[in-house]
Amino acid sequence: MDDEKIIELFWERSEQAISETADKYGGICRKIAWNILGNEEDTQECVNDTYLGDWNSIPPRRPGALRAYLCRIARNQAVKKYRLNMAAKRTC
């Protein structure tokens, strides 16, 4: 499906937008999170948080490049999770 159609689905608040996003960009979001985290459970959590972040942020904003927008969200979620996991209290 075309990116503009996916964005329109988000604007309409259609749940199909999440499944279309997962079909088209799930692999790259997973790869970004995996390269940062190296853990399957944390990777899946970050990918799901990426979809949630996309769902919550698209109606006020309309991204020009959906792929870059999703990759940025995925990277930020993974870095946040990595920092949480590597906090001094959790690594001892």
PDB file of N, CA and C in Angstrom:
ATOM      1  N   MET A   1       0.846  -1.175   0.000  1.00  0.00           N
ATOM      2  CA  MET A   1       0.000   0.000   0.000  1.00  0.00           C
ATOM      3  C   MET A   1       0.893   1.240   0.000  1.00  0.00           C
ATOM      4  N   ASP A   2       0.445   2.270  -0.649  1.00  0.00           N
ATOM      5  CA  ASP A   2       1.170   3.526  -0.757  1.00  0.00           C
ATOM      6  C   ASP A   2       1.211   4.243   0.601  1.00  0.00           C
ATOM      7  N   ASP A   3       2.298   4.970   0.852  1.00  0.00           N
ATOM      8  CA  ASP A   3       2.458   5.674   2.126  1.00  0.00           C
ATOM      9  C   ASP A   3       1.341   6.694   2.369  1.00  0.00           C
ATOM     10  N   GLU A   4       0.942   7.385   1.317  1.00  0.00           N
ATOM     11  CA  GLU A   4      -0.132   8.383   1.472  1.00  0.00           C
ATOM     12  C   GLU A   4      -1.436   7.721   1.917  1.00  0.00           C
ATOM     13  N   LYS A   5      -1.714   6.533   1.404  1.00  0.00           N
ATOM     14  CA  LYS A   5      -2.927   5.823   1.804  1.00  0.00           C
ATOM     15  C   LYS A   5      -2.831   5.369   3.256  1.00  0.00           C
ATOM     16  N   ILE A   6      -1.641   4.942   3.666  1.00  0.00           N
ATOM     17  CA  ILE A   6      -1.456   4.538   5.062  1.00  0.00           C
ATOM     18  C   ILE A   6      -1.651   5.735   5.981  1.00  0.00           C
ATOM     19  N   ILE A   7      -1.095   6.876   5.601  1.00  0.00           N
ATOM     20  CA  ILE A   7      -1.268   8.091   6.412  1.00  0.00           C
ATOM     21  C   ILE A   7      -2.736   8.482   6.484  1.00  0.00           C
ATOM     22  N   GLU A   8      -3.444   8.348   5.375  1.00  0.00           N
ATOM     23  CA  GLU A   8      -4.882   8.641   5.381  1.00  0.00           C
ATOM     24  C   GLU A   8      -5.630   7.704   6.333  1.00  0.00           C
ATOM     25  N   LEU A   9      -5.226   6.438   6.381  1.00  0.00           N
ATOM     26  CA  LEU A   9      -5.849   5.505   7.321  1.00  0.00           C
ATOM     27  C   LEU A   9      -5.607   5.935   8.764  1.00  0.00           C
ATOM     28  N   PHE A  10      -4.413   6.448   9.045  1.00  0.00           N
ATOM     29  CA  PHE A  10      -4.148   6.973  10.389  1.00  0.00           C
ATOM     30  C   PHE A  10      -5.029   8.175  10.685  1.00  0.00           C
ATOM     31  N   TRP A  11      -5.195   9.058   9.715  1.00  0.00           N
ATOM     32  CA  TRP A  11      -6.038  10.238   9.912  1.00  0.00           C
ATOM     33  C   TRP A  11      -7.496   9.837  10.143  1.00  0.00           C
ATOM     34  N   GLU A  12      -7.924   8.763   9.498  1.00  0.00           N
ATOM     35  CA  GLU A  12      -9.293   8.270   9.687  1.00  0.00           C
ATOM     36  C   GLU A  12      -9.428   7.450  10.964  1.00  0.00           C
ATOM     37  N   ARG A  13      -8.314   7.178  11.630  1.00  0.00           N
ATOM     38  CA  ARG A  13      -8.268   6.354  12.843  1.00  0.00           C
ATOM     39  C   ARG A  13      -8.720   4.922  12.567  1.00  0.00           C
ATOM     40  N   SER A  14      -8.336   4.412  11.423  1.00  0.00           N
ATOM     41  CA  SER A  14      -8.639   3.039  11.058  1.00  0.00           C
ATOM     42  C   SER A  14      -7.547   2.125  11.605  1.00  0.00           C
ATOM     43  N   GLU A  15      -7.958   1.036  12.250  1.00  0.00           N
ATOM     44  CA  GLU A  15      -6.993   0.086  12.794  1.00  0.00           C
ATOM     45  C   GLU A  15      -6.218  -0.634  11.693  1.00  0.00           C
ATOM     46  N   GLN A  16      -6.714  -0.590  10.496  1.00  0.00           N
ATOM     47  CA  GLN A  16      -6.015  -1.184   9.363  1.00  0.00           C
ATOM     48  C   GLN A  16      -4.674  -0.476   9.131  1.00  0.00           C
ATOM     49  N   ALA A  17      -4.554   0.767   9.563  1.00  0.00           N
ATOM     50  CA  ALA A  17      -3.304   1.513   9.395  1.00  0.00           C
ATOM     51  C   ALA A  17      -2.148   0.816  10.091  1.00  0.00           C
ATOM     52  N   ILE A  18      -2.391   0.271  11.273  1.00  0.00           N
ATOM     53  CA  ILE A  18      -1.343  -0.423  12.021  1.00  0.00           C
ATOM     54  C   ILE A  18      -0.916  -1.686  11.274  1.00  0.00           C
ATOM     55  N   SER A  19      -1.869  -2.461  10.796  1.00  0.00           N
ATOM     56  CA  SER A  19      -1.515  -3.701  10.100  1.00  0.00           C
ATOM     57  C   SER A  19      -0.803  -3.412   8.776  1.00  0.00           C
ATOM     58  N   GLU A  20      -1.215  -2.377   8.068  1.00  0.00           N
ATOM     59  CA  GLU A  20      -0.534  -2.016   6.821  1.00  0.00           C
ATOM     60  C   GLU A  20       0.879  -1.516   7.109  1.00  0.00           C
ATOM     61  N   THR A  21       1.043  -0.754   8.175  1.00  0.00           N
ATOM     62  CA  THR A  21       2.365  -0.279   8.566  1.00  0.00           C
ATOM     63  C   THR A  21       3.255  -1.449   8.949  1.00  0.00           C
ATOM     64  N   ALA A  22       2.702  -2.396   9.693  1.00  0.00           N
ATOM     65  CA  ALA A  22       3.476  -3.571  10.108  1.00  0.00           C
ATOM     66  C   ALA A  22       3.889  -4.401   8.897  1.00  0.00           C
ATOM     67  N   ASP A  23       2.997  -4.541   7.936  1.00  0.00           N
ATOM     68  CA  ASP A  23       3.320  -5.310   6.740  1.00  0.00           C
ATOM     69  C   ASP A  23       4.432  -4.649   5.920  1.00  0.00           C
ATOM     70  N   LYS A  24       4.364  -3.337   5.798  1.00  0.00           N
ATOM     71  CA  LYS A  24       5.301  -2.638   4.925  1.00  0.00           C
ATOM     72  C   LYS A  24       6.616  -2.297   5.620  1.00  0.00           C
ATOM     73  N   TYR A  25       6.559  -1.873   6.882  1.00  0.00           N
ATOM     74  CA  TYR A  25       7.752  -1.371   7.556  1.00  0.00           C
ATOM     75  C   TYR A  25       8.129  -2.131   8.823  1.00  0.00           C
ATOM     76  N   GLY A  26       7.452  -3.214   9.106  1.00  0.00           N
ATOM     77  CA  GLY A  26       7.763  -3.982  10.308  1.00  0.00           C
ATOM     78  C   GLY A  26       9.178  -4.524  10.320  1.00  0.00           C
ATOM     79  N   GLY A  27       9.657  -4.959   9.173  1.00  0.00           N
ATOM     80  CA  GLY A  27      10.999  -5.525   9.080  1.00  0.00           C
ATOM     81  C   GLY A  27      12.096  -4.523   9.391  1.00  0.00           C
ATOM     82  N   ILE A  28      11.976  -3.338   8.850  1.00  0.00           N
ATOM     83  CA  ILE A  28      13.026  -2.340   9.089  1.00  0.00           C
ATOM     84  C   ILE A  28      12.973  -1.826  10.526  1.00  0.00           C
ATOM     85  N   CYS A  29      11.772  -1.687  11.081  1.00  0.00           N
ATOM     86  CA  CYS A  29      11.660  -1.265  12.483  1.00  0.00           C
ATOM     87  C   CYS A  29      12.264  -2.326  13.403  1.00  0.00           C
ATOM     88  N   ARG A  30      12.002  -3.579  13.088  1.00  0.00           N
ATOM     89  CA  ARG A  30      12.556  -4.687  13.871  1.00  0.00           C
ATOM     90  C   ARG A  30      14.086  -4.696  13.771  1.00  0.00           C
ATOM     91  N   LYS A  31      14.621  -4.479  12.597  1.00  0.00           N
ATOM     92  CA  LYS A  31      16.074  -4.500  12.403  1.00  0.00           C
ATOM     93  C   LYS A  31      16.744  -3.371  13.177  1.00  0.00           C
ATOM     94  N   ILE A  32      16.160  -2.191  13.148  1.00  0.00           N
ATOM     95  CA  ILE A  32      16.716  -1.057  13.885  1.00  0.00           C
ATOM     96  C   ILE A  32      16.739  -1.365  15.377  1.00  0.00           C
ATOM     97  N   ALA A  33      15.632  -1.838  15.905  1.00  0.00           N
ATOM     98  CA  ALA A  33      15.561  -2.141  17.339  1.00  0.00           C
ATOM     99  C   ALA A  33      16.505  -3.279  17.710  1.00  0.00           C
ATOM    100  N   TRP A  34      16.578  -4.309  16.864  1.00  0.00           N
ATOM    101  CA  TRP A  34      17.461  -5.455  17.147  1.00  0.00           C
ATOM    102  C   TRP A  34      18.926  -5.026  17.167  1.00  0.00           C
ATOM    103  N   ASN A  35      19.329  -4.161  16.235  1.00  0.00           N
ATOM    104  CA  ASN A  35      20.721  -3.717  16.189  1.00  0.00           C
ATOM    105  C   ASN A  35      21.119  -2.932  17.433  1.00  0.00           C
ATOM    106  N   ILE A  36      20.188  -2.276  18.054  1.00  0.00           N
ATOM    107  CA  ILE A  36      20.475  -1.518  19.264  1.00  0.00           C
ATOM    108  C   ILE A  36      20.367  -2.400  20.503  1.00  0.00           C
ATOM    109  N   LEU A  37      19.358  -3.258  20.552  1.00  0.00           N
ATOM    110  CA  LEU A  37      19.061  -4.003  21.772  1.00  0.00           C
ATOM    111  C   LEU A  37      19.646  -5.417  21.796  1.00  0.00           C
ATOM    112  N   GLY A  38      19.565  -6.137  20.699  1.00  0.00           N
ATOM    113  CA  GLY A  38      20.069  -7.501  20.643  1.00  0.00           C
ATOM    114  C   GLY A  38      19.277  -8.482  21.489  1.00  0.00           C
ATOM    115  N   ASN A  39      18.018  -8.179  21.731  1.00  0.00           N
ATOM    116  CA  ASN A  39      17.161  -9.025  22.554  1.00  0.00           C
ATOM    117  C   ASN A  39      15.789  -9.091  21.881  1.00  0.00           C
ATOM    118  N   GLU A  40      15.293 -10.294  21.660  1.00  0.00           N
ATOM    119  CA  GLU A  40      14.043 -10.468  20.908  1.00  0.00           C
ATOM    120  C   GLU A  40      12.840  -9.854  21.622  1.00  0.00           C
ATOM    121  N   GLU A  41      12.732 -10.071  22.922  1.00  0.00           N
ATOM    122  CA  GLU A  41      11.574  -9.538  23.655  1.00  0.00           C
ATOM    123  C   GLU A  41      11.568  -8.012  23.659  1.00  0.00           C
ATOM    124  N   ASP A  42      12.739  -7.421  23.926  1.00  0.00           N
ATOM    125  CA  ASP A  42      12.825  -5.963  23.926  1.00  0.00           C
ATOM    126  C   ASP A  42      12.604  -5.395  22.528  1.00  0.00           C
ATOM    127  N   THR A  43      13.093  -6.114  21.524  1.00  0.00           N
ATOM    128  CA  THR A  43      12.891  -5.677  20.142  1.00  0.00           C
ATOM    129  C   THR A  43      11.406  -5.637  19.801  1.00  0.00           C
ATOM    130  N   GLN A  44      10.681  -6.694  20.143  1.00  0.00           N
ATOM    131  CA  GLN A  44       9.248  -6.739  19.857  1.00  0.00           C
ATOM    132  C   GLN A  44       8.496  -5.635  20.614  1.00  0.00           C
ATOM    133  N   GLU A  45       8.904  -5.393  21.842  1.00  0.00           N
ATOM    134  CA  GLU A  45       8.280  -4.323  22.625  1.00  0.00           C
ATOM    135  C   GLU A  45       8.514  -2.961  21.970  1.00  0.00           C
ATOM    136  N   CYS A  46       9.725  -2.724  21.487  1.00  0.00           N
ATOM    137  CA  CYS A  46      10.026  -1.453  20.829  1.00  0.00           C
ATOM    138  C   CYS A  46       9.255  -1.291  19.524  1.00  0.00           C
ATOM    139  N   VAL A  47       9.111  -2.370  18.773  1.00  0.00           N
ATOM    140  CA  VAL A  47       8.350  -2.300  17.525  1.00  0.00           C
ATOM    141  C   VAL A  47       6.887  -1.966  17.831  1.00  0.00           C
ATOM    142  N   ASN A  48       6.333  -2.603  18.841  1.00  0.00           N
ATOM    143  CA  ASN A  48       4.952  -2.295  19.231  1.00  0.00           C
ATOM    144  C   ASN A  48       4.825  -0.862  19.723  1.00  0.00           C
ATOM    145  N   ASP A  49       5.812  -0.387  20.480  1.00  0.00           N
ATOM    146  CA  ASP A  49       5.795   1.002  20.934  1.00  0.00           C
ATOM    147  C   ASP A  49       5.938   1.969  19.765  1.00  0.00           C
ATOM    148  N   THR A  50       6.643   1.543  18.723  1.00  0.00           N
ATOM    149  CA  THR A  50       6.768   2.360  17.519  1.00  0.00           C
ATOM    150  C   THR A  50       5.399   2.542  16.860  1.00  0.00           C
ATOM    151  N   TYR A  51       4.639   1.464  16.764  1.00  0.00           N
ATOM    152  CA  TYR A  51       3.298   1.564  16.172  1.00  0.00           C
ATOM    153  C   TYR A  51       2.390   2.444  17.031  1.00  0.00           C
ATOM    154  N   LEU A  52       2.510   2.311  18.339  1.00  0.00           N
ATOM    155  CA  LEU A  52       1.708   3.149  19.235  1.00  0.00           C
ATOM    156  C   LEU A  52       2.112   4.618  19.099  1.00  0.00           C
ATOM    157  N   GLY A  53       3.415   4.872  19.035  1.00  0.00           N
ATOM    158  CA  GLY A  53       3.878   6.243  18.863  1.00  0.00           C
ATOM    159  C   GLY A  53       3.415   6.835  17.552  1.00  0.00           C
ATOM    160  N   ASP A  54       3.408   6.022  16.522  1.00  0.00           N
ATOM    161  CA  ASP A  54       2.911   6.458  15.225  1.00  0.00           C
ATOM    162  C   ASP A  54       1.414   6.778  15.298  1.00  0.00           C
ATOM    163  N   TRP A  55       0.670   5.910  15.941  1.00  0.00           N
ATOM    164  CA  TRP A  55      -0.772   6.095  16.095  1.00  0.00           C
ATOM    165  C   TRP A  55      -1.084   7.395  16.840  1.00  0.00           C
ATOM    166  N   ASN A  56      -0.298   7.687  17.873  1.00  0.00           N
ATOM    167  CA  ASN A  56      -0.549   8.866  18.699  1.00  0.00           C
ATOM    168  C   ASN A  56      -0.056  10.162  18.076  1.00  0.00           C
ATOM    169  N   SER A  57       0.894  10.093  17.151  1.00  0.00           N
ATOM    170  CA  SER A  57       1.491  11.333  16.657  1.00  0.00           C
ATOM    171  C   SER A  57       1.070  11.750  15.255  1.00  0.00           C
ATOM    172  N   ILE A  58       0.519  10.846  14.473  1.00  0.00           N
ATOM    173  CA  ILE A  58       0.198  11.231  13.092  1.00  0.00           C
ATOM    174  C   ILE A  58      -0.998  12.182  12.990  1.00  0.00           C
ATOM    175  N   PRO A  59      -2.084  12.010  13.661  1.00  0.00           N
ATOM    176  CA  PRO A  59      -3.162  12.985  13.446  1.00  0.00           C
ATOM    177  C   PRO A  59      -2.778  14.445  13.658  1.00  0.00           C
ATOM    178  N   PRO A  60      -1.998  14.803  14.638  1.00  0.00           N
ATOM    179  CA  PRO A  60      -1.609  16.223  14.671  1.00  0.00           C
ATOM    180  C   PRO A  60      -0.585  16.582  13.598  1.00  0.00           C
ATOM    181  N   ARG A  61       0.248  15.626  13.194  1.00  0.00           N
ATOM    182  CA  ARG A  61       1.283  15.872  12.192  1.00  0.00           C
ATOM    183  C   ARG A  61       1.070  14.971  10.994  1.00  0.00           C
ATOM    184  N   ARG A  62       1.533  15.425   9.857  1.00  0.00           N
ATOM    185  CA  ARG A  62       1.487  14.614   8.634  1.00  0.00           C
ATOM    186  C   ARG A  62       2.931  14.465   8.136  1.00  0.00           C
ATOM    187  N   PRO A  63       3.529  13.283   8.370  1.00  0.00           N
ATOM    188  CA  PRO A  63       4.930  13.115   7.974  1.00  0.00           C
ATOM    189  C   PRO A  63       5.100  13.118   6.457  1.00  0.00           C
ATOM    190  N   GLY A  64       6.190  13.719   6.016  1.00  0.00           N
ATOM    191  CA  GLY A  64       6.478  13.745   4.586  1.00  0.00           C
ATOM    192  C   GLY A  64       6.964  12.397   4.089  1.00  0.00           C
ATOM    193  N   ALA A  65       7.810  11.755   4.879  1.00  0.00           N
ATOM    194  CA  ALA A  65       8.358  10.443   4.521  1.00  0.00           C
ATOM    195  C   ALA A  65       8.031   9.480   5.656  1.00  0.00           C
ATOM    196  N   LEU A  66       7.066   8.616   5.437  1.00  0.00           N
ATOM    197  CA  LEU A  66       6.596   7.716   6.492  1.00  0.00           C
ATOM    198  C   LEU A  66       7.698   6.782   6.959  1.00  0.00           C
ATOM    199  N   ARG A  67       8.503   6.273   6.045  1.00  0.00           N
ATOM    200  CA  ARG A  67       9.570   5.350   6.428  1.00  0.00           C
ATOM    201  C   ARG A  67      10.566   6.014   7.372  1.00  0.00           C
ATOM    202  N   ALA A  68      11.017   7.205   7.046  1.00  0.00           N
ATOM    203  CA  ALA A  68      11.960   7.920   7.903  1.00  0.00           C
ATOM    204  C   ALA A  68      11.324   8.246   9.256  1.00  0.00           C
ATOM    205  N   TYR A  69      10.063   8.596   9.239  1.00  0.00           N
ATOM    206  CA  TYR A  69       9.334   8.917  10.463  1.00  0.00           C
ATOM    207  C   TYR A  69       9.265   7.695  11.386  1.00  0.00           C
ATOM    208  N   LEU A  70       8.930   6.544  10.833  1.00  0.00           N
ATOM    209  CA  LEU A  70       8.858   5.312  11.613  1.00  0.00           C
ATOM    210  C   LEU A  70      10.228   4.885  12.117  1.00  0.00           C
ATOM    211  N   CYS A  71      11.239   5.019  11.277  1.00  0.00           N
ATOM    212  CA  CYS A  71      12.593   4.638  11.691  1.00  0.00           C
ATOM    213  C   CYS A  71      13.081   5.501  12.842  1.00  0.00           C
ATOM    214  N   ARG A  72      12.752   6.767  12.805  1.00  0.00           N
ATOM    215  CA  ARG A  72      13.144   7.654  13.896  1.00  0.00           C
ATOM    216  C   ARG A  72      12.456   7.263  15.195  1.00  0.00           C
ATOM    217  N   ILE A  73      11.175   6.962  15.121  1.00  0.00           N
ATOM    218  CA  ILE A  73      10.443   6.534  16.314  1.00  0.00           C
ATOM    219  C   ILE A  73      11.011   5.223  16.837  1.00  0.00           C
ATOM    220  N   ALA A  74      11.279   4.271  15.954  1.00  0.00           N
ATOM    221  CA  ALA A  74      11.826   2.970  16.359  1.00  0.00           C
ATOM    222  C   ALA A  74      13.189   3.146  17.029  1.00  0.00           C
ATOM    223  N   ARG A  75      14.035   3.961  16.443  1.00  0.00           N
ATOM    224  CA  ARG A  75      15.368   4.194  17.016  1.00  0.00           C
ATOM    225  C   ARG A  75      15.262   4.841  18.387  1.00  0.00           C
ATOM    226  N   ASN A  76      14.406   5.847  18.520  1.00  0.00           N
ATOM    227  CA  ASN A  76      14.249   6.515  19.808  1.00  0.00           C
ATOM    228  C   ASN A  76      13.703   5.569  20.873  1.00  0.00           C
ATOM    229  N   GLN A  77      12.746   4.725  20.505  1.00  0.00           N
ATOM    230  CA  GLN A  77      12.205   3.749  21.452  1.00  0.00           C
ATOM    231  C   GLN A  77      13.282   2.753  21.880  1.00  0.00           C
ATOM    232  N   ALA A  78      14.092   2.298  20.929  1.00  0.00           N
ATOM    233  CA  ALA A  78      15.135   1.325  21.242  1.00  0.00           C
ATOM    234  C   ALA A  78      16.218   1.935  22.129  1.00  0.00           C
ATOM    235  N   VAL A  79      16.598   3.158  21.851  1.00  0.00           N
ATOM    236  CA  VAL A  79      17.607   3.823  22.683  1.00  0.00           C
ATOM    237  C   VAL A  79      17.074   4.035  24.094  1.00  0.00           C
ATOM    238  N   LYS A  80      15.815   4.406  24.196  1.00  0.00           N
ATOM    239  CA  LYS A  80      15.211   4.578  25.513  1.00  0.00           C
ATOM    240  C   LYS A  80      15.209   3.264  26.298  1.00  0.00           C
ATOM    241  N   LYS A  81      14.851   2.182  25.630  1.00  0.00           N
ATOM    242  CA  LYS A  81      14.840   0.859  26.264  1.00  0.00           C
ATOM    243  C   LYS A  81      16.258   0.424  26.634  1.00  0.00           C
ATOM    244  N   TYR A  82      17.226   0.686  25.762  1.00  0.00           N
ATOM    245  CA  TYR A  82      18.620   0.334  26.040  1.00  0.00           C
ATOM    246  C   TYR A  82      19.117   1.063  27.288  1.00  0.00           C
ATOM    247  N   ARG A  83      18.843   2.350  27.369  1.00  0.00           N
ATOM    248  CA  ARG A  83      19.267   3.124  28.546  1.00  0.00           C
ATOM    249  C   ARG A  83      18.595   2.626  29.811  1.00  0.00           C
ATOM    250  N   LEU A  84      17.347   2.254  29.710  1.00  0.00           N
ATOM    251  CA  LEU A  84      16.634   1.693  30.861  1.00  0.00           C
ATOM    252  C   LEU A  84      17.278   0.385  31.305  1.00  0.00           C
ATOM    253  N   ASN A  85      17.607  -0.470  30.349  1.00  0.00           N
ATOM    254  CA  ASN A  85      18.218  -1.766  30.667  1.00  0.00           C
ATOM    255  C   ASN A  85      19.637  -1.618  31.218  1.00  0.00           C
ATOM    256  N   MET A  86      20.356  -0.603  30.778  1.00  0.00           N
ATOM    257  CA  MET A  86      21.740  -0.435  31.183  1.00  0.00           C
ATOM    258  C   MET A  86      21.919   0.509  32.372  1.00  0.00           C
ATOM    259  N   ALA A  87      20.846   0.897  32.989  1.00  0.00           N
ATOM    260  CA  ALA A  87      20.952   1.764  34.171  1.00  0.00           C
ATOM    261  C   ALA A  87      21.764   1.045  35.240  1.00  0.00           C
ATOM    262  N   ALA A  88      22.471   1.793  36.048  1.00  0.00           N
ATOM    263  CA  ALA A  88      23.404   1.232  37.028  1.00  0.00           C
ATOM    264  C   ALA A  88      22.732   0.205  37.943  1.00  0.00           C
ATOM    265  N   LYS A  89      21.534   0.424  38.328  1.00  0.00           N
ATOM    266  CA  LYS A  89      20.859  -0.487  39.251  1.00  0.00           C
ATOM    267  C   LYS A  89      20.485  -1.803  38.588  1.00  0.00           C
ATOM    268  N   ARG A  90      20.352  -1.825  37.272  1.00  0.00           N
ATOM    269  CA  ARG A  90      19.882  -3.013  36.575  1.00  0.00           C
ATOM    270  C   ARG A  90      21.006  -3.885  36.015  1.00  0.00           C
ATOM    271  N   THR A  91      22.226  -3.358  35.943  1.00  0.00           N
ATOM    272  CA  THR A  91      23.311  -4.122  35.336  1.00  0.00           C
ATOM    273  C   THR A  91      24.179  -4.845  36.356  1.00  0.00           C
ATOM    274  N   CYS A  92      24.016  -4.584  37.624  1.00  0.00           N
ATOM    275  CA  CYS A  92      24.842  -5.236  38.659  1.00  0.00           C
ATOM    276  C   CYS A  92      24.409  -6.651  38.923  1.00  0.00           C
TER     277      CYS A  92
END
